[in-house]
Amino acid sequence: MGDTGGVTGKESSNVALHDVVSGMVPLWFDVGYRFTPALYAGAFFQYGFAFVNDQRNAECKQGVSCSAHDIAFGANLHYHALPQGIFDPWLGAGFGYEVLTVNESGTSTSLGTSLPVERSWKAKGFQFLILEAGGDFKATPDLAVGPFVNFALGQYSGWSNHQTIDGMPEDQSGDLPGATHEWLTLGVRGQYNL
């Protein structure tokens, strides 16, 4: 994963994506239809278990527990070069929408006073370009397994922050113009054809 701009703000300032999370382990689900043996169109849903970058988030080291997750969903189109072969290379493209959430809970120390803190902030926006490539090895006529790579280019357009400090709730939100970022995913996928 990487970034080229700001992501979100705790108090509305821009923060680079790598300052917030250092990566994630995604679970990706596709459902779709093959119009021909070579052409697939469908929808996807991804839930990513993100790793909070506690090297750059000092609060995560000082009695505050931090966690993060990323949710994305959208549509994609795949072209399969050798759909009848034992090995079927394919290319894909798509677009989607993404929500990155970071949660913090614990005790924060400010000016010598310890206060219970619950904070959740989100950055959300469109993934306007998703490029995919992979290859499917057919284990059976209906089951295939193989490697894939996915590159998603997106732009967070807004952020929101909800926090409760010592029982006092506070909500903030704002826009993130120009906050582009990208994710690079490498993995293995399984496919079952009904």
C-alpha atoms as a PDB file:
ATOM      1  CA  MET A   1       0.000   0.000   0.000  1.00  0.00           C
ATOM      2  CA  GLY A   2       1.098   3.554  -0.451  1.00  0.00           C
ATOM      3  CA  ASP A   3      -0.133   7.091  -0.671  1.00  0.00           C
ATOM      4  CA  THR A   4       0.327  10.321  -2.556  1.00  0.00           C
ATOM      5  CA  GLY A   5      -1.575  12.753  -0.396  1.00  0.00           C
ATOM      6  CA  GLY A   6      -3.488  13.413   2.791  1.00  0.00           C
ATOM      7  CA  VAL A   7      -5.926  10.981   4.285  1.00  0.00           C
ATOM      8  CA  THR A   8      -7.852  12.315   7.190  1.00  0.00           C
ATOM      9  CA  GLY A   9      -7.536  14.546  10.121  1.00  0.00           C
ATOM     10  CA  LYS A  10      -7.776  14.098  13.812  1.00  0.00           C
ATOM     11  CA  GLU A  11      -8.879  17.706  14.197  1.00  0.00           C
ATOM     12  CA  SER A  12      -9.145  18.204  10.388  1.00  0.00           C
ATOM     13  CA  SER A  13      -5.449  18.348   9.474  1.00  0.00           C
ATOM     14  CA  ASN A  14      -4.227  16.183   6.604  1.00  0.00           C
ATOM     15  CA  VAL A  15      -2.269  13.048   7.512  1.00  0.00           C
ATOM     16  CA  ALA A  16      -0.491  10.781   5.022  1.00  0.00           C
ATOM     17  CA  LEU A  17      -1.964   7.279   4.662  1.00  0.00           C
ATOM     18  CA  HIS A  18       1.300   5.602   5.727  1.00  0.00           C
ATOM     19  CA  ASP A  19       1.194   7.702   8.926  1.00  0.00           C
ATOM     20  CA  VAL A  20      -2.138   6.099   9.804  1.00  0.00           C
ATOM     21  CA  VAL A  21      -1.794   2.470   8.653  1.00  0.00           C
ATOM     22  CA  SER A  22       1.246   0.499   7.529  1.00  0.00           C
ATOM     23  CA  GLY A  23      -0.695  -2.123   5.553  1.00  0.00           C
ATOM     24  CA  MET A  24      -3.601  -4.536   5.769  1.00  0.00           C
ATOM     25  CA  VAL A  25      -4.703  -8.117   5.212  1.00  0.00           C
ATOM     26  CA  PRO A  26      -7.823  -8.024   3.000  1.00  0.00           C
ATOM     27  CA  LEU A  27     -10.563 -10.589   2.514  1.00  0.00           C
ATOM     28  CA  TRP A  28     -12.013 -10.095  -0.984  1.00  0.00           C
ATOM     29  CA  PHE A  29     -15.306 -11.520  -2.267  1.00  0.00           C
ATOM     30  CA  ASP A  30     -16.479 -11.441  -5.894  1.00  0.00           C
ATOM     31  CA  VAL A  31     -19.873 -12.407  -7.217  1.00  0.00           C
ATOM     32  CA  GLY A  32     -20.724 -12.101 -10.881  1.00  0.00           C
ATOM     33  CA  TYR A  33     -21.718 -13.610 -14.175  1.00  0.00           C
ATOM     34  CA  ARG A  34     -19.762 -14.873 -17.184  1.00  0.00           C
ATOM     35  CA  PHE A  35     -21.477 -13.559 -20.302  1.00  0.00           C
ATOM     36  CA  THR A  36     -19.089 -15.646 -22.387  1.00  0.00           C
ATOM     37  CA  PRO A  37     -16.353 -18.053 -21.222  1.00  0.00           C
ATOM     38  CA  ALA A  38     -13.895 -15.158 -21.570  1.00  0.00           C
ATOM     39  CA  LEU A  39     -15.908 -12.205 -20.198  1.00  0.00           C
ATOM     40  CA  TYR A  40     -16.921 -11.804 -16.531  1.00  0.00           C
ATOM     41  CA  ALA A  41     -18.759  -8.865 -14.923  1.00  0.00           C
ATOM     42  CA  GLY A  42     -19.591  -8.606 -11.261  1.00  0.00           C
ATOM     43  CA  ALA A  43     -19.459  -6.868  -7.910  1.00  0.00           C
ATOM     44  CA  PHE A  44     -16.875  -7.097  -5.136  1.00  0.00           C
ATOM     45  CA  PHE A  45     -16.703  -6.542  -1.379  1.00  0.00           C
ATOM     46  CA  GLN A  46     -13.476  -6.269   0.598  1.00  0.00           C
ATOM     47  CA  TYR A  47     -12.893  -6.179   4.360  1.00  0.00           C
ATOM     48  CA  GLY A  48      -9.304  -5.395   5.310  1.00  0.00           C
ATOM     49  CA  PHE A  49      -7.733  -5.883   8.736  1.00  0.00           C
ATOM     50  CA  ALA A  50      -5.426  -2.843   8.810  1.00  0.00           C
ATOM     51  CA  PHE A  51      -2.236  -2.404  10.839  1.00  0.00           C
ATOM     52  CA  VAL A  52      -2.143   0.894  12.727  1.00  0.00           C
ATOM     53  CA  ASN A  53       1.244   2.559  12.313  1.00  0.00           C
ATOM     54  CA  ASP A  54       2.041   2.937  16.009  1.00  0.00           C
ATOM     55  CA  GLN A  55       5.538   4.193  15.138  1.00  0.00           C
ATOM     56  CA  ARG A  56       3.856   7.406  13.960  1.00  0.00           C
ATOM     57  CA  ASN A  57       0.850   7.408  16.300  1.00  0.00           C
ATOM     58  CA  ALA A  58       2.312   8.137  19.724  1.00  0.00           C
ATOM     59  CA  GLU A  59      -1.044   7.700  21.510  1.00  0.00           C
ATOM     60  CA  CYS A  60      -1.076   4.012  20.498  1.00  0.00           C
ATOM     61  CA  LYS A  61       1.965   3.465  22.710  1.00  0.00           C
ATOM     62  CA  GLN A  62       0.713   5.362  25.766  1.00  0.00           C
ATOM     63  CA  GLY A  63      -2.158   3.341  27.247  1.00  0.00           C
ATOM     64  CA  VAL A  64      -4.422   3.691  24.196  1.00  0.00           C
ATOM     65  CA  SER A  65      -5.452   0.597  22.204  1.00  0.00           C
ATOM     66  CA  CYS A  66      -5.615   1.238  18.448  1.00  0.00           C
ATOM     67  CA  SER A  67      -7.220  -0.807  15.670  1.00  0.00           C
ATOM     68  CA  ALA A  68      -8.231  -0.144  12.066  1.00  0.00           C
ATOM     69  CA  HIS A  69     -10.146  -1.687   9.199  1.00  0.00           C
ATOM     70  CA  ASP A  70     -10.845  -0.813   5.584  1.00  0.00           C
ATOM     71  CA  ILE A  71     -14.063  -1.625   3.713  1.00  0.00           C
ATOM     72  CA  ALA A  72     -14.366  -1.333  -0.064  1.00  0.00           C
ATOM     73  CA  PHE A  73     -17.061  -2.364  -2.523  1.00  0.00           C
ATOM     74  CA  GLY A  74     -17.741  -1.812  -6.192  1.00  0.00           C
ATOM     75  CA  ALA A  75     -17.899  -3.376  -9.655  1.00  0.00           C
ATOM     76  CA  ASN A  76     -15.327  -5.080 -11.848  1.00  0.00           C
ATOM     77  CA  LEU A  77     -14.880  -6.637 -15.289  1.00  0.00           C
ATOM     78  CA  HIS A  78     -12.459  -9.490 -16.121  1.00  0.00           C
ATOM     79  CA  TYR A  79     -11.201 -10.776 -19.453  1.00  0.00           C
ATOM     80  CA  HIS A  80      -9.989 -14.404 -19.408  1.00  0.00           C
ATOM     81  CA  ALA A  81      -7.449 -15.207 -22.135  1.00  0.00           C
ATOM     82  CA  LEU A  82      -7.646 -19.041 -21.991  1.00  0.00           C
ATOM     83  CA  PRO A  83     -10.939 -19.903 -20.273  1.00  0.00           C
ATOM     84  CA  GLN A  84     -10.821 -23.540 -21.418  1.00  0.00           C
ATOM     85  CA  GLY A  85      -7.154 -24.083 -20.513  1.00  0.00           C
ATOM     86  CA  ILE A  86      -5.617 -25.685 -17.411  1.00  0.00           C
ATOM     87  CA  PHE A  87      -4.060 -22.264 -16.694  1.00  0.00           C
ATOM     88  CA  ASP A  88      -6.225 -19.234 -17.457  1.00  0.00           C
ATOM     89  CA  PRO A  89      -4.504 -15.802 -17.296  1.00  0.00           C
ATOM     90  CA  TRP A  90      -6.863 -12.852 -16.867  1.00  0.00           C
ATOM     91  CA  LEU A  91      -6.930  -9.046 -16.696  1.00  0.00           C
ATOM     92  CA  GLY A  92      -9.495  -6.905 -14.915  1.00  0.00           C
ATOM     93  CA  ALA A  93     -10.588  -3.343 -14.226  1.00  0.00           C
ATOM     94  CA  GLY A  94     -13.154  -1.742 -11.977  1.00  0.00           C
ATOM     95  CA  PHE A  95     -14.128   1.056  -9.596  1.00  0.00           C
ATOM     96  CA  GLY A  96     -15.431   1.245  -6.046  1.00  0.00           C
ATOM     97  CA  TYR A  97     -16.039   3.123  -2.818  1.00  0.00           C
ATOM     98  CA  GLU A  98     -13.879   2.850   0.315  1.00  0.00           C
ATOM     99  CA  VAL A  99     -14.184   3.623   4.039  1.00  0.00           C
ATOM    100  CA  LEU A 100     -11.095   3.515   6.290  1.00  0.00           C
ATOM    101  CA  THR A 101     -11.872   3.452  10.039  1.00  0.00           C
ATOM    102  CA  VAL A 102      -9.434   3.836  12.942  1.00  0.00           C
ATOM    103  CA  ASN A 103     -10.568   3.208  16.519  1.00  0.00           C
ATOM    104  CA  GLU A 104      -8.753   4.266  19.693  1.00  0.00           C
ATOM    105  CA  SER A 105      -9.733   3.435  23.253  1.00  0.00           C
ATOM    106  CA  GLY A 106      -8.011   3.676  26.605  1.00  0.00           C
ATOM    107  CA  THR A 107      -6.652   6.369  28.857  1.00  0.00           C
ATOM    108  CA  SER A 108      -5.076   9.556  27.568  1.00  0.00           C
ATOM    109  CA  THR A 109      -2.816  11.685  29.727  1.00  0.00           C
ATOM    110  CA  SER A 110      -2.998  15.427  29.163  1.00  0.00           C
ATOM    111  CA  LEU A 111      -1.431  18.045  31.456  1.00  0.00           C
ATOM    112  CA  GLY A 112      -0.852  15.400  34.118  1.00  0.00           C
ATOM    113  CA  THR A 113      -4.494  14.243  34.100  1.00  0.00           C
ATOM    114  CA  SER A 114      -5.597  10.778  32.934  1.00  0.00           C
ATOM    115  CA  LEU A 115      -8.917  10.690  31.080  1.00  0.00           C
ATOM    116  CA  PRO A 116     -10.810   7.734  29.514  1.00  0.00           C
ATOM    117  CA  VAL A 117     -10.878   8.166  25.727  1.00  0.00           C
ATOM    118  CA  GLU A 118     -12.978   6.538  22.985  1.00  0.00           C
ATOM    119  CA  ARG A 119     -12.280   7.833  19.479  1.00  0.00           C
ATOM    120  CA  SER A 120     -13.333   6.649  16.026  1.00  0.00           C
ATOM    121  CA  TRP A 121     -12.481   8.454  12.810  1.00  0.00           C
ATOM    122  CA  LYS A 122     -13.171   7.637   9.201  1.00  0.00           C
ATOM    123  CA  ALA A 123     -11.970   8.675   5.773  1.00  0.00           C
ATOM    124  CA  LYS A 124     -14.188   7.806   2.802  1.00  0.00           C
ATOM    125  CA  GLY A 125     -14.219   8.273  -0.941  1.00  0.00           C
ATOM    126  CA  PHE A 126     -14.145   6.671  -4.378  1.00  0.00           C
ATOM    127  CA  GLN A 127     -11.617   4.233  -5.797  1.00  0.00           C
ATOM    128  CA  PHE A 128     -11.852   5.538  -9.352  1.00  0.00           C
ATOM    129  CA  LEU A 129      -9.394   3.065 -10.904  1.00  0.00           C
ATOM    130  CA  ILE A 130      -8.852  -0.586  -9.968  1.00  0.00           C
ATOM    131  CA  LEU A 131      -6.553  -2.707 -12.132  1.00  0.00           C
ATOM    132  CA  GLU A 132      -6.245  -6.471 -11.624  1.00  0.00           C
ATOM    133  CA  ALA A 133      -4.283  -9.359 -13.137  1.00  0.00           C
ATOM    134  CA  GLY A 134      -3.975 -13.005 -12.262  1.00  0.00           C
ATOM    135  CA  GLY A 135      -3.944 -16.579 -13.360  1.00  0.00           C
ATOM    136  CA  ASP A 136      -6.275 -19.447 -12.457  1.00  0.00           C
ATOM    137  CA  PHE A 137      -5.041 -23.050 -12.222  1.00  0.00           C
ATOM    138  CA  LYS A 138      -7.985 -25.405 -12.645  1.00  0.00           C
ATOM    139  CA  ALA A 139      -8.103 -28.048  -9.904  1.00  0.00           C
ATOM    140  CA  THR A 140     -11.449 -29.327 -11.246  1.00  0.00           C
ATOM    141  CA  PRO A 141     -13.677 -28.069 -14.104  1.00  0.00           C
ATOM    142  CA  ASP A 142     -15.501 -25.803 -11.593  1.00  0.00           C
ATOM    143  CA  LEU A 143     -12.732 -24.966  -9.076  1.00  0.00           C
ATOM    144  CA  ALA A 144      -9.667 -22.837  -9.791  1.00  0.00           C
ATOM    145  CA  VAL A 145      -6.922 -21.364  -7.596  1.00  0.00           C
ATOM    146  CA  GLY A 146      -4.184 -18.915  -8.515  1.00  0.00           C
ATOM    147  CA  PRO A 147      -2.164 -15.779  -7.815  1.00  0.00           C
ATOM    148  CA  PHE A 148      -3.400 -12.244  -8.425  1.00  0.00           C
ATOM    149  CA  VAL A 149      -2.336  -8.627  -8.079  1.00  0.00           C
ATOM    150  CA  ASN A 150      -4.672  -5.676  -7.511  1.00  0.00           C
ATOM    151  CA  PHE A 151      -3.851  -1.956  -7.746  1.00  0.00           C
ATOM    152  CA  ALA A 152      -6.462   0.543  -6.540  1.00  0.00           C
ATOM    153  CA  LEU A 153      -6.150   4.314  -6.957  1.00  0.00           C
ATOM    154  CA  GLY A 154      -8.577   6.311  -4.854  1.00  0.00           C
ATOM    155  CA  GLN A 155      -9.350   9.684  -3.395  1.00  0.00           C
ATOM    156  CA  TYR A 156     -10.756  10.251   0.059  1.00  0.00           C
ATOM    157  CA  SER A 157     -13.234  13.098  -0.190  1.00  0.00           C
ATOM    158  CA  GLY A 158     -14.437  13.413   3.406  1.00  0.00           C
ATOM    159  CA  TRP A 159     -13.634  12.532   6.989  1.00  0.00           C
ATOM    160  CA  SER A 160     -15.539  12.260  10.254  1.00  0.00           C
ATOM    161  CA  ASN A 161     -14.381  11.976  13.847  1.00  0.00           C
ATOM    162  CA  HIS A 162     -16.391  10.864  16.871  1.00  0.00           C
ATOM    163  CA  GLN A 163     -14.777  10.949  20.279  1.00  0.00           C
ATOM    164  CA  THR A 164     -15.800  10.672  23.901  1.00  0.00           C
ATOM    165  CA  ILE A 165     -13.361  12.048  26.465  1.00  0.00           C
ATOM    166  CA  ASP A 166     -14.273  11.574  30.118  1.00  0.00           C
ATOM    167  CA  GLY A 167     -17.921  10.974  29.129  1.00  0.00           C
ATOM    168  CA  MET A 168     -18.211  14.084  26.922  1.00  0.00           C
ATOM    169  CA  PRO A 169     -19.041  13.246  23.254  1.00  0.00           C
ATOM    170  CA  GLU A 170     -17.832  15.367  20.355  1.00  0.00           C
ATOM    171  CA  ASP A 171     -18.346  14.967  16.578  1.00  0.00           C
ATOM    172  CA  GLN A 172     -16.425  16.608  13.757  1.00  0.00           C
ATOM    173  CA  SER A 173     -16.394  16.185   9.978  1.00  0.00           C
ATOM    174  CA  GLY A 174     -14.930  17.833   6.928  1.00  0.00           C
ATOM    175  CA  ASP A 175     -13.839  17.592   3.312  1.00  0.00           C
ATOM    176  CA  LEU A 176     -10.547  16.191   2.007  1.00  0.00           C
ATOM    177  CA  PRO A 177     -10.023  17.707  -1.446  1.00  0.00           C
ATOM    178  CA  GLY A 178      -7.170  16.095  -3.331  1.00  0.00           C
ATOM    179  CA  ALA A 179      -6.430  13.359  -0.763  1.00  0.00           C
ATOM    180  CA  THR A 180      -5.369  10.640  -3.225  1.00  0.00           C
ATOM    181  CA  HIS A 181      -3.888   7.304  -2.192  1.00  0.00           C
ATOM    182  CA  GLU A 182      -3.274   3.839  -3.567  1.00  0.00           C
ATOM    183  CA  TRP A 183      -3.342   0.241  -2.379  1.00  0.00           C
ATOM    184  CA  LEU A 184      -1.283  -2.590  -3.883  1.00  0.00           C
ATOM    185  CA  THR A 185      -2.509  -6.100  -3.021  1.00  0.00           C
ATOM    186  CA  LEU A 186      -0.811  -9.411  -3.785  1.00  0.00           C
ATOM    187  CA  GLY A 187      -2.545 -12.650  -2.965  1.00  0.00           C
ATOM    188  CA  VAL A 188      -4.062 -15.985  -3.863  1.00  0.00           C
ATOM    189  CA  ARG A 189      -7.682 -16.384  -4.858  1.00  0.00           C
ATOM    190  CA  GLY A 190     -10.039 -19.296  -5.226  1.00  0.00           C
ATOM    191  CA  GLN A 191     -12.880 -19.384  -7.737  1.00  0.00           C
ATOM    192  CA  TYR A 192     -15.889 -21.668  -7.887  1.00  0.00           C
ATOM    193  CA  ASN A 193     -18.190 -21.670 -10.908  1.00  0.00           C
ATOM    194  CA  LEU A 194     -21.786 -22.664 -10.297  1.00  0.00           C
END
